[in-house]
C-alpha atoms as a PDB file:
ATOM      1  CA  UNK A   1     212.969 -18.359 122.391  1.00  0.00           C
ATOM      2  CA  UNK A   2     211.778 -17.080 119.287  1.00  0.00           C
ATOM      3  CA  UNK A   3     210.039 -19.039 117.006  1.00  0.00           C
ATOM      4  CA  UNK A   4     210.708 -18.878 112.845  1.00  0.00           C
ATOM      5  CA  UNK A   5     207.648 -19.831 110.932  1.00  0.00           C
ATOM      6  CA  UNK A   6     207.404 -20.583 106.558  1.00  0.00           C
ATOM      7  CA  UNK A   7     205.286 -19.669 104.186  1.00  0.00           C
ATOM      8  CA  UNK A   8     204.600 -22.251 102.259  1.00  0.00           C
ATOM      9  CA  UNK A   9     202.475 -20.314  99.784  1.00  0.00           C
ATOM     10  CA  UNK A  10     206.282 -18.418  99.124  1.00  0.00           C
ATOM     11  CA  UNK A  11     208.468 -21.179  99.861  1.00  0.00           C
ATOM     12  CA  UNK A  12     210.096 -23.299  96.090  1.00  0.00           C
ATOM     13  CA  UNK A  13     211.971 -25.401  98.144  1.00  0.00           C
ATOM     14  CA  UNK A  14     215.540 -24.771  97.169  1.00  0.00           C
ATOM     15  CA  UNK A  15     216.887 -26.668 100.548  1.00  0.00           C
ATOM     16  CA  UNK A  16     218.988 -23.176 101.787  1.00  0.00           C
ATOM     17  CA  UNK A  17     217.456 -22.952 105.344  1.00  0.00           C
ATOM     18  CA  UNK A  18     217.531 -26.722 106.186  1.00  0.00           C
ATOM     19  CA  UNK A  19     221.039 -26.568 104.587  1.00  0.00           C
ATOM     20  CA  UNK A  20     222.671 -23.430 107.097  1.00  0.00           C
ATOM     21  CA  UNK A  21     220.595 -24.743 110.074  1.00  0.00           C
ATOM     22  CA  UNK A  22     218.563 -28.474 109.855  1.00  0.00           C
ATOM     23  CA  UNK A  23     217.806 -29.200 113.639  1.00  0.00           C
ATOM     24  CA  UNK A  24     215.138 -26.483 112.697  1.00  0.00           C
ATOM     25  CA  UNK A  25     213.970 -26.148 108.899  1.00  0.00           C
ATOM     26  CA  UNK A  26     213.046 -29.241 106.378  1.00  0.00           C
ATOM     27  CA  UNK A  27     211.824 -30.120 103.337  1.00  0.00           C
ATOM     28  CA  UNK A  28     208.676 -31.351 103.681  1.00  0.00           C
ATOM     29  CA  UNK A  29     205.562 -32.217 102.442  1.00  0.00           C
ATOM     30  CA  UNK A  30     205.220 -31.482  99.072  1.00  0.00           C
ATOM     31  CA  UNK A  31     208.849 -30.055  98.988  1.00  0.00           C
ATOM     32  CA  UNK A  32     208.280 -27.187 101.375  1.00  0.00           C
ATOM     33  CA  UNK A  33     210.560 -26.178 104.033  1.00  0.00           C
ATOM     34  CA  UNK A  34     208.577 -26.355 107.050  1.00  0.00           C
ATOM     35  CA  UNK A  35     210.220 -25.982 111.345  1.00  0.00           C
ATOM     36  CA  UNK A  36     210.876 -29.501 113.282  1.00  0.00           C
ATOM     37  CA  UNK A  37     212.508 -27.788 116.610  1.00  0.00           C
ATOM     38  CA  UNK A  38     213.362 -24.900 118.333  1.00  0.00           C
ATOM     39  CA  UNK A  39     215.795 -22.224 117.300  1.00  0.00           C
ATOM     40  CA  UNK A  40     218.157 -22.182 119.938  1.00  0.00           C
ATOM     41  CA  UNK A  41     220.454 -20.251 117.744  1.00  0.00           C
ATOM     42  CA  UNK A  42     219.029 -17.050 116.754  1.00  0.00           C
ATOM     43  CA  UNK A  43     221.770 -15.923 114.869  1.00  0.00           C
ATOM     44  CA  UNK A  44     222.038 -19.131 113.037  1.00  0.00           C
ATOM     45  CA  UNK A  45     218.078 -19.119 112.596  1.00  0.00           C
ATOM     46  CA  UNK A  46     218.379 -15.187 111.099  1.00  0.00           C
ATOM     47  CA  UNK A  47     221.221 -16.459 108.907  1.00  0.00           C
ATOM     48  CA  UNK A  48     218.473 -18.737 107.063  1.00  0.00           C
ATOM     49  CA  UNK A  49     215.758 -16.297 106.819  1.00  0.00           C
ATOM     50  CA  UNK A  50     217.900 -13.846 105.517  1.00  0.00           C
ATOM     51  CA  UNK A  51     219.790 -16.366 102.753  1.00  0.00           C
ATOM     52  CA  UNK A  52     215.713 -17.182 101.586  1.00  0.00           C
ATOM     53  CA  UNK A  53     215.739 -16.342  98.278  1.00  0.00           C
ATOM     54  CA  UNK A  54     211.825 -15.670  98.770  1.00  0.00           C
ATOM     55  CA  UNK A  55     211.814 -14.169 101.900  1.00  0.00           C
ATOM     56  CA  UNK A  56     209.555 -17.032 102.665  1.00  0.00           C
ATOM     57  CA  UNK A  57     210.960 -17.191 106.061  1.00  0.00           C
ATOM     58  CA  UNK A  58     210.359 -14.699 109.181  1.00  0.00           C
ATOM     59  CA  UNK A  59     209.842 -14.669 112.808  1.00  0.00           C
ATOM     60  CA  UNK A  60     206.870 -15.736 114.462  1.00  0.00           C
ATOM     61  CA  UNK A  61     204.396 -12.831 116.146  1.00  0.00           C
ATOM     62  CA  UNK A  62     204.362 -13.369 119.982  1.00  0.00           C
ATOM     63  CA  UNK A  63     200.833 -13.639 119.684  1.00  0.00           C
END
């Protein structure tokens, strides 16, 4: 199962990812998005990645 990651340096805390997939994304410390769960629906995760206005979310490398 692929895992998303959030670049907190880029994140502006708009909350769009959380509204798309709240089981995986949540605004946490300093109102920055963080990954809180497994991405069971890769299509929904991809939607959150594609919707991020500052491209702060990507797929984590498998390494």
